[in-house]
Amino acid sequence: MDADLKPRKPQARTIATRNKILEAARELARGRDLEILTAEAVAKAAGVAKGTVFAHYGDMDGLMSYLLLDRLTALRAAADQDTMRAKADLADPVGALLARMMALIGVITDSQTILRVFMDNIGVTKGHCAPEFVAQLDALDAKLAGFLRFWQESPEMQPRLRRDRSPEEMLDALIAFILHGAILYRSGQLMDLALIEQRLRRHMDAFLLAGDEGQDSFM
């Protein structure tokens, strides 16, 4: 057999080991507090040395980023099925956006570790972070920006969305609101997600709405 056609057994073993570690971490994380998830526990469950965990994922944050990616991927899959054009969405566009924002907050505030990993990698991902991390966030952002654009261009949807800012600028504000809400919750300043949701709605009413319903400008 030609040497170039021979299967790359070391590479296959590397992939298998990496997957085994990740599956062990996923199983250990199921229904448990991620704060107590350790490299030792993952290594034992995967049947590998602790150093092997670090060799494949760099550090525990690198491994945690893949657990977070699982949750973002599930959120993205739900978003892909969601047209954001249901009658309830069109009748209450602020509520429609708020529901999607709270879904992301629910994911990233699952634990202190998850929120920290999210915050560390929300811009440019670190070397050991799951490479698909930013792509999933970009897709979720694009969904919200698309709804803002649709709302801004619609003559029928009420309340009216301001027109002096682009959907991308307004999306930046929504992201800031999400992060602030997540930090307030995980820092213990507001312990009830319902209060976080109420706060977000007030911010959105003030920033997104036009005319007497909100502001004509936000200079």
C-alpha atoms as a PDB file:
ATOM      1  CA  MET A   1       0.000   0.000   0.000  1.00  0.00           C
ATOM      2  CA  ASP A   2       1.213   3.472  -0.811  1.00  0.00           C
ATOM      3  CA  ALA A   3       2.529   5.185   2.323  1.00  0.00           C
ATOM      4  CA  ASP A   4       0.322   8.226   1.702  1.00  0.00           C
ATOM      5  CA  LEU A   5      -2.797   6.043   1.816  1.00  0.00           C
ATOM      6  CA  LYS A   6      -2.054   4.394   5.144  1.00  0.00           C
ATOM      7  CA  PRO A   7      -4.348   5.432   7.988  1.00  0.00           C
ATOM      8  CA  ARG A   8      -2.836   7.902  10.416  1.00  0.00           C
ATOM      9  CA  LYS A   9      -3.206   5.847  13.564  1.00  0.00           C
ATOM     10  CA  PRO A  10      -1.509   8.321  15.929  1.00  0.00           C
ATOM     11  CA  GLN A  11      -3.815  11.101  14.739  1.00  0.00           C
ATOM     12  CA  ALA A  12      -6.856   8.861  15.133  1.00  0.00           C
ATOM     13  CA  ARG A  13      -5.761   7.955  18.656  1.00  0.00           C
ATOM     14  CA  THR A  14      -5.266  11.636  19.473  1.00  0.00           C
ATOM     15  CA  ILE A  15      -8.776  12.495  18.320  1.00  0.00           C
ATOM     16  CA  ALA A  16     -10.232   9.529  20.205  1.00  0.00           C
ATOM     17  CA  THR A  17      -8.439  10.524  23.413  1.00  0.00           C
ATOM     18  CA  ARG A  18      -9.531  14.136  23.064  1.00  0.00           C
ATOM     19  CA  ASN A  19     -13.140  13.084  22.544  1.00  0.00           C
ATOM     20  CA  LYS A  20     -12.970  10.690  25.498  1.00  0.00           C
ATOM     21  CA  ILE A  21     -11.795  13.503  27.772  1.00  0.00           C
ATOM     22  CA  LEU A  22     -14.546  15.823  26.568  1.00  0.00           C
ATOM     23  CA  GLU A  23     -17.232  13.168  26.996  1.00  0.00           C
ATOM     24  CA  ALA A  24     -15.996  12.476  30.521  1.00  0.00           C
ATOM     25  CA  ALA A  25     -16.180  16.197  31.324  1.00  0.00           C
ATOM     26  CA  ARG A  26     -19.679  16.418  29.853  1.00  0.00           C
ATOM     27  CA  GLU A  27     -20.847  13.492  31.957  1.00  0.00           C
ATOM     28  CA  LEU A  28     -19.295  14.880  35.140  1.00  0.00           C
ATOM     29  CA  ALA A  29     -20.802  18.312  34.455  1.00  0.00           C
ATOM     30  CA  ARG A  30     -24.304  16.917  34.028  1.00  0.00           C
ATOM     31  CA  GLY A  31     -26.314  18.008  37.034  1.00  0.00           C
ATOM     32  CA  ARG A  32     -23.257  19.077  39.020  1.00  0.00           C
ATOM     33  CA  ASP A  33     -21.719  22.364  40.061  1.00  0.00           C
ATOM     34  CA  LEU A  34     -18.977  23.182  37.580  1.00  0.00           C
ATOM     35  CA  GLU A  35     -17.022  24.971  40.309  1.00  0.00           C
ATOM     36  CA  ILE A  36     -15.953  21.593  41.680  1.00  0.00           C
ATOM     37  CA  LEU A  37     -15.057  20.027  38.330  1.00  0.00           C
ATOM     38  CA  THR A  38     -11.332  19.301  38.403  1.00  0.00           C
ATOM     39  CA  ALA A  39      -8.745  18.006  35.970  1.00  0.00           C
ATOM     40  CA  GLU A  40      -8.123  15.075  38.331  1.00  0.00           C
ATOM     41  CA  ALA A  41     -11.796  14.060  38.239  1.00  0.00           C
ATOM     42  CA  VAL A  42     -11.980  14.369  34.449  1.00  0.00           C
ATOM     43  CA  ALA A  43      -8.748  12.407  33.991  1.00  0.00           C
ATOM     44  CA  LYS A  44      -9.977   9.616  36.265  1.00  0.00           C
ATOM     45  CA  ALA A  45     -13.342   9.407  34.483  1.00  0.00           C
ATOM     46  CA  ALA A  46     -11.643   9.373  31.069  1.00  0.00           C
ATOM     47  CA  GLY A  47      -9.010   6.833  32.119  1.00  0.00           C
ATOM     48  CA  VAL A  48      -6.094   9.086  31.229  1.00  0.00           C
ATOM     49  CA  ALA A  49      -3.365  10.941  33.086  1.00  0.00           C
ATOM     50  CA  LYS A  50      -4.037  14.462  34.353  1.00  0.00           C
ATOM     51  CA  GLY A  51      -1.267  15.727  32.083  1.00  0.00           C
ATOM     52  CA  THR A  52      -3.120  14.297  29.094  1.00  0.00           C
ATOM     53  CA  VAL A  53      -6.110  16.515  29.862  1.00  0.00           C
ATOM     54  CA  PHE A  54      -3.868  19.568  29.808  1.00  0.00           C
ATOM     55  CA  ALA A  55      -2.035  18.366  26.691  1.00  0.00           C
ATOM     56  CA  HIS A  56      -5.323  18.305  24.766  1.00  0.00           C
ATOM     57  CA  TYR A  57      -7.136  21.317  26.247  1.00  0.00           C
ATOM     58  CA  GLY A  58      -4.351  23.515  27.602  1.00  0.00           C
ATOM     59  CA  ASP A  59      -6.039  24.148  30.956  1.00  0.00           C
ATOM     60  CA  MET A  60      -9.412  23.714  32.605  1.00  0.00           C
ATOM     61  CA  ASP A  61     -10.708  26.927  31.051  1.00  0.00           C
ATOM     62  CA  GLY A  62      -9.967  25.462  27.639  1.00  0.00           C
ATOM     63  CA  LEU A  63     -11.963  22.354  28.514  1.00  0.00           C
ATOM     64  CA  MET A  64     -14.765  24.432  30.056  1.00  0.00           C
ATOM     65  CA  SER A  65     -15.035  26.443  26.856  1.00  0.00           C
ATOM     66  CA  TYR A  66     -16.174  23.280  25.085  1.00  0.00           C
ATOM     67  CA  LEU A  67     -18.843  22.668  27.716  1.00  0.00           C
ATOM     68  CA  LEU A  68     -20.010  26.249  27.206  1.00  0.00           C
ATOM     69  CA  LEU A  69     -19.887  25.718  23.450  1.00  0.00           C
ATOM     70  CA  ASP A  70     -22.299  22.787  23.829  1.00  0.00           C
ATOM     71  CA  ARG A  71     -24.813  25.115  25.442  1.00  0.00           C
ATOM     72  CA  LEU A  72     -24.306  27.894  22.936  1.00  0.00           C
ATOM     73  CA  THR A  73     -24.704  25.369  20.112  1.00  0.00           C
ATOM     74  CA  ALA A  74     -28.029  24.234  21.576  1.00  0.00           C
ATOM     75  CA  LEU A  75     -29.119  27.870  21.885  1.00  0.00           C
ATOM     76  CA  ARG A  76     -28.050  28.490  18.288  1.00  0.00           C
ATOM     77  CA  ALA A  77     -30.003  25.444  17.084  1.00  0.00           C
ATOM     78  CA  ALA A  78     -33.122  26.777  18.776  1.00  0.00           C
ATOM     79  CA  ALA A  79     -32.500  30.222  17.270  1.00  0.00           C
ATOM     80  CA  ASP A  80     -32.161  28.714  13.807  1.00  0.00           C
ATOM     81  CA  GLN A  81     -35.651  27.254  14.169  1.00  0.00           C
ATOM     82  CA  ASP A  82     -37.012  30.551  15.478  1.00  0.00           C
ATOM     83  CA  THR A  83     -38.085  32.989  12.768  1.00  0.00           C
ATOM     84  CA  MET A  84     -38.860  35.724  15.328  1.00  0.00           C
ATOM     85  CA  ARG A  85     -41.911  36.462  13.194  1.00  0.00           C
ATOM     86  CA  ALA A  86     -44.547  34.781  15.363  1.00  0.00           C
ATOM     87  CA  LYS A  87     -47.627  36.848  16.155  1.00  0.00           C
ATOM     88  CA  ALA A  88     -46.531  37.216  19.780  1.00  0.00           C
ATOM     89  CA  ASP A  89     -43.105  38.489  18.680  1.00  0.00           C
ATOM     90  CA  LEU A  90     -44.598  41.082  16.355  1.00  0.00           C
ATOM     91  CA  ALA A  91     -47.127  42.197  18.968  1.00  0.00           C
ATOM     92  CA  ASP A  92     -44.445  42.645  21.659  1.00  0.00           C
ATOM     93  CA  PRO A  93     -41.062  43.175  19.981  1.00  0.00           C
ATOM     94  CA  VAL A  94     -39.390  44.296  23.222  1.00  0.00           C
ATOM     95  CA  GLY A  95     -40.607  41.105  24.882  1.00  0.00           C
ATOM     96  CA  ALA A  96     -39.381  39.049  21.915  1.00  0.00           C
ATOM     97  CA  LEU A  97     -35.876  40.450  22.233  1.00  0.00           C
ATOM     98  CA  LEU A  98     -35.975  40.162  26.011  1.00  0.00           C
ATOM     99  CA  ALA A  99     -36.833  36.459  25.866  1.00  0.00           C
ATOM    100  CA  ARG A 100     -33.828  35.734  23.634  1.00  0.00           C
ATOM    101  CA  MET A 101     -31.533  37.843  25.813  1.00  0.00           C
ATOM    102  CA  MET A 102     -32.652  36.060  28.971  1.00  0.00           C
ATOM    103  CA  ALA A 103     -32.050  32.701  27.289  1.00  0.00           C
ATOM    104  CA  LEU A 104     -28.393  33.667  26.762  1.00  0.00           C
ATOM    105  CA  ILE A 105     -28.114  34.995  30.304  1.00  0.00           C
ATOM    106  CA  GLY A 106     -29.439  31.673  31.547  1.00  0.00           C
ATOM    107  CA  VAL A 107     -26.659  29.862  29.692  1.00  0.00           C
ATOM    108  CA  ILE A 108     -23.747  32.068  30.699  1.00  0.00           C
ATOM    109  CA  THR A 109     -24.739  32.403  34.368  1.00  0.00           C
ATOM    110  CA  ASP A 110     -24.971  28.660  34.948  1.00  0.00           C
ATOM    111  CA  SER A 111     -21.861  28.967  37.111  1.00  0.00           C
ATOM    112  CA  GLN A 112     -19.160  31.453  38.015  1.00  0.00           C
ATOM    113  CA  THR A 113     -16.734  29.437  35.904  1.00  0.00           C
ATOM    114  CA  ILE A 114     -18.922  29.501  32.810  1.00  0.00           C
ATOM    115  CA  LEU A 115     -19.459  33.258  33.096  1.00  0.00           C
ATOM    116  CA  ARG A 116     -15.726  33.850  33.533  1.00  0.00           C
ATOM    117  CA  VAL A 117     -14.863  31.679  30.520  1.00  0.00           C
ATOM    118  CA  PHE A 118     -17.515  33.485  28.489  1.00  0.00           C
ATOM    119  CA  MET A 119     -16.213  36.921  29.472  1.00  0.00           C
ATOM    120  CA  ASP A 120     -12.613  35.906  28.810  1.00  0.00           C
ATOM    121  CA  ASN A 121     -13.413  34.787  25.278  1.00  0.00           C
ATOM    122  CA  ILE A 122     -16.276  37.012  24.122  1.00  0.00           C
ATOM    123  CA  GLY A 123     -13.968  39.132  21.963  1.00  0.00           C
ATOM    124  CA  VAL A 124     -11.028  37.229  20.561  1.00  0.00           C
ATOM    125  CA  THR A 125     -10.826  33.703  21.863  1.00  0.00           C
ATOM    126  CA  LYS A 126      -7.770  32.531  23.734  1.00  0.00           C
ATOM    127  CA  GLY A 127      -5.537  29.861  22.297  1.00  0.00           C
ATOM    128  CA  HIS A 128      -7.200  26.929  24.037  1.00  0.00           C
ATOM    129  CA  CYS A 129     -10.779  28.117  23.692  1.00  0.00           C
ATOM    130  CA  ALA A 130     -13.163  26.181  21.453  1.00  0.00           C
ATOM    131  CA  PRO A 131     -12.632  27.736  17.992  1.00  0.00           C
ATOM    132  CA  GLU A 132     -16.357  27.712  17.179  1.00  0.00           C
ATOM    133  CA  PHE A 133     -17.171  29.826  20.237  1.00  0.00           C
ATOM    134  CA  VAL A 134     -17.197  33.215  18.521  1.00  0.00           C
ATOM    135  CA  ALA A 135     -18.956  31.860  15.422  1.00  0.00           C
ATOM    136  CA  GLN A 136     -21.908  30.710  17.520  1.00  0.00           C
ATOM    137  CA  LEU A 137     -22.115  34.072  19.278  1.00  0.00           C
ATOM    138  CA  ASP A 138     -21.922  35.891  15.950  1.00  0.00           C
ATOM    139  CA  ALA A 139     -24.843  33.818  14.648  1.00  0.00           C
ATOM    140  CA  LEU A 140     -26.934  34.613  17.725  1.00  0.00           C
ATOM    141  CA  ASP A 141     -26.055  38.307  17.395  1.00  0.00           C
ATOM    142  CA  ALA A 142     -27.017  38.272  13.717  1.00  0.00           C
ATOM    143  CA  LYS A 143     -30.430  36.894  14.637  1.00  0.00           C
ATOM    144  CA  LEU A 144     -31.098  39.765  17.025  1.00  0.00           C
ATOM    145  CA  ALA A 145     -29.733  42.361  14.579  1.00  0.00           C
ATOM    146  CA  GLY A 146     -31.980  40.963  11.847  1.00  0.00           C
ATOM    147  CA  PHE A 147     -35.027  41.332  14.075  1.00  0.00           C
ATOM    148  CA  LEU A 148     -34.043  44.895  14.983  1.00  0.00           C
ATOM    149  CA  ARG A 149     -33.716  45.738  11.282  1.00  0.00           C
ATOM    150  CA  PHE A 150     -37.101  44.167  10.516  1.00  0.00           C
ATOM    151  CA  TRP A 151     -38.708  46.097  13.382  1.00  0.00           C
ATOM    152  CA  GLN A 152     -37.061  49.366  12.351  1.00  0.00           C
ATOM    153  CA  GLU A 153     -38.293  49.019   8.766  1.00  0.00           C
ATOM    154  CA  SER A 154     -41.808  47.902   9.672  1.00  0.00           C
ATOM    155  CA  PRO A 155     -44.467  50.623   9.544  1.00  0.00           C
ATOM    156  CA  GLU A 156     -46.916  48.502  11.557  1.00  0.00           C
ATOM    157  CA  MET A 157     -44.960  47.185  14.538  1.00  0.00           C
ATOM    158  CA  GLN A 158     -45.613  48.988  17.802  1.00  0.00           C
ATOM    159  CA  PRO A 159     -44.053  50.488  19.799  1.00  0.00           C
ATOM    160  CA  ARG A 160     -41.877  52.183  17.197  1.00  0.00           C
ATOM    161  CA  LEU A 161     -38.167  51.444  17.177  1.00  0.00           C
ATOM    162  CA  ARG A 162     -35.863  54.435  17.056  1.00  0.00           C
ATOM    163  CA  ARG A 163     -34.385  55.231  13.648  1.00  0.00           C
ATOM    164  CA  ASP A 164     -31.416  57.390  14.613  1.00  0.00           C
ATOM    165  CA  ARG A 165     -29.246  54.372  15.385  1.00  0.00           C
ATOM    166  CA  SER A 166     -28.391  51.386  13.200  1.00  0.00           C
ATOM    167  CA  PRO A 167     -29.428  47.871  14.220  1.00  0.00           C
ATOM    168  CA  GLU A 168     -25.744  47.099  14.804  1.00  0.00           C
ATOM    169  CA  GLU A 169     -25.369  50.010  17.235  1.00  0.00           C
ATOM    170  CA  MET A 170     -28.499  48.977  19.085  1.00  0.00           C
ATOM    171  CA  LEU A 171     -27.253  45.401  19.214  1.00  0.00           C
ATOM    172  CA  ASP A 172     -24.049  46.597  20.890  1.00  0.00           C
ATOM    173  CA  ALA A 173     -26.199  48.127  23.622  1.00  0.00           C
ATOM    174  CA  LEU A 174     -28.224  44.929  24.039  1.00  0.00           C
ATOM    175  CA  ILE A 175     -25.002  42.929  24.445  1.00  0.00           C
ATOM    176  CA  ALA A 176     -23.843  45.396  27.103  1.00  0.00           C
ATOM    177  CA  PHE A 177     -27.178  44.997  28.895  1.00  0.00           C
ATOM    178  CA  ILE A 178     -26.824  41.203  28.782  1.00  0.00           C
ATOM    179  CA  LEU A 179     -23.315  41.248  30.218  1.00  0.00           C
ATOM    180  CA  HIS A 180     -24.237  43.731  32.918  1.00  0.00           C
ATOM    181  CA  GLY A 181     -27.253  41.662  33.904  1.00  0.00           C
ATOM    182  CA  ALA A 182     -25.173  38.481  34.032  1.00  0.00           C
ATOM    183  CA  ILE A 183     -22.552  40.140  36.225  1.00  0.00           C
ATOM    184  CA  LEU A 184     -25.184  41.560  38.594  1.00  0.00           C
ATOM    185  CA  TYR A 185     -26.696  38.096  38.967  1.00  0.00           C
ATOM    186  CA  ARG A 186     -23.492  36.128  39.411  1.00  0.00           C
ATOM    187  CA  SER A 187     -21.941  38.711  41.746  1.00  0.00           C
ATOM    188  CA  GLY A 188     -24.936  38.386  44.048  1.00  0.00           C
ATOM    189  CA  GLN A 189     -26.082  41.991  43.625  1.00  0.00           C
ATOM    190  CA  LEU A 190     -29.394  40.791  42.179  1.00  0.00           C
ATOM    191  CA  MET A 191     -30.161  37.200  43.095  1.00  0.00           C
ATOM    192  CA  ASP A 192     -33.428  36.846  41.169  1.00  0.00           C
ATOM    193  CA  LEU A 193     -33.389  36.465  37.379  1.00  0.00           C
ATOM    194  CA  ALA A 194     -36.890  37.942  37.308  1.00  0.00           C
ATOM    195  CA  LEU A 195     -35.413  41.177  38.665  1.00  0.00           C
ATOM    196  CA  ILE A 196     -32.691  41.035  36.024  1.00  0.00           C
ATOM    197  CA  GLU A 197     -35.404  40.684  33.381  1.00  0.00           C
ATOM    198  CA  GLN A 198     -37.323  43.670  34.745  1.00  0.00           C
ATOM    199  CA  ARG A 199     -34.151  45.752  34.728  1.00  0.00           C
ATOM    200  CA  LEU A 200     -33.351  44.751  31.152  1.00  0.00           C
ATOM    201  CA  ARG A 201     -36.832  45.717  29.986  1.00  0.00           C
ATOM    202  CA  ARG A 202     -36.469  49.189  31.513  1.00  0.00           C
ATOM    203  CA  HIS A 203     -33.094  49.627  29.799  1.00  0.00           C
ATOM    204  CA  MET A 204     -34.554  48.478  26.478  1.00  0.00           C
ATOM    205  CA  ASP A 205     -37.600  50.737  26.772  1.00  0.00           C
ATOM    206  CA  ALA A 206     -35.320  53.705  27.419  1.00  0.00           C
ATOM    207  CA  PHE A 207     -32.813  52.971  24.688  1.00  0.00           C
ATOM    208  CA  LEU A 208     -34.704  51.263  21.861  1.00  0.00           C
ATOM    209  CA  LEU A 209     -38.010  53.058  21.604  1.00  0.00           C
ATOM    210  CA  ALA A 210     -38.660  56.193  19.562  1.00  0.00           C
ATOM    211  CA  GLY A 211     -40.480  59.406  20.412  1.00  0.00           C
ATOM    212  CA  ASP A 212     -42.663  59.581  23.505  1.00  0.00           C
ATOM    213  CA  GLU A 213     -42.262  55.817  24.034  1.00  0.00           C
ATOM    214  CA  GLY A 214     -38.536  56.076  24.595  1.00  0.00           C
ATOM    215  CA  GLN A 215     -35.979  58.493  23.243  1.00  0.00           C
ATOM    216  CA  ASP A 216     -35.485  60.068  19.839  1.00  0.00           C
ATOM    217  CA  SER A 217     -31.763  60.091  20.399  1.00  0.00           C
ATOM    218  CA  PHE A 218     -29.197  58.699  22.778  1.00  0.00           C
ATOM    219  CA  MET A 219     -26.286  61.067  22.483  1.00  0.00           C
END
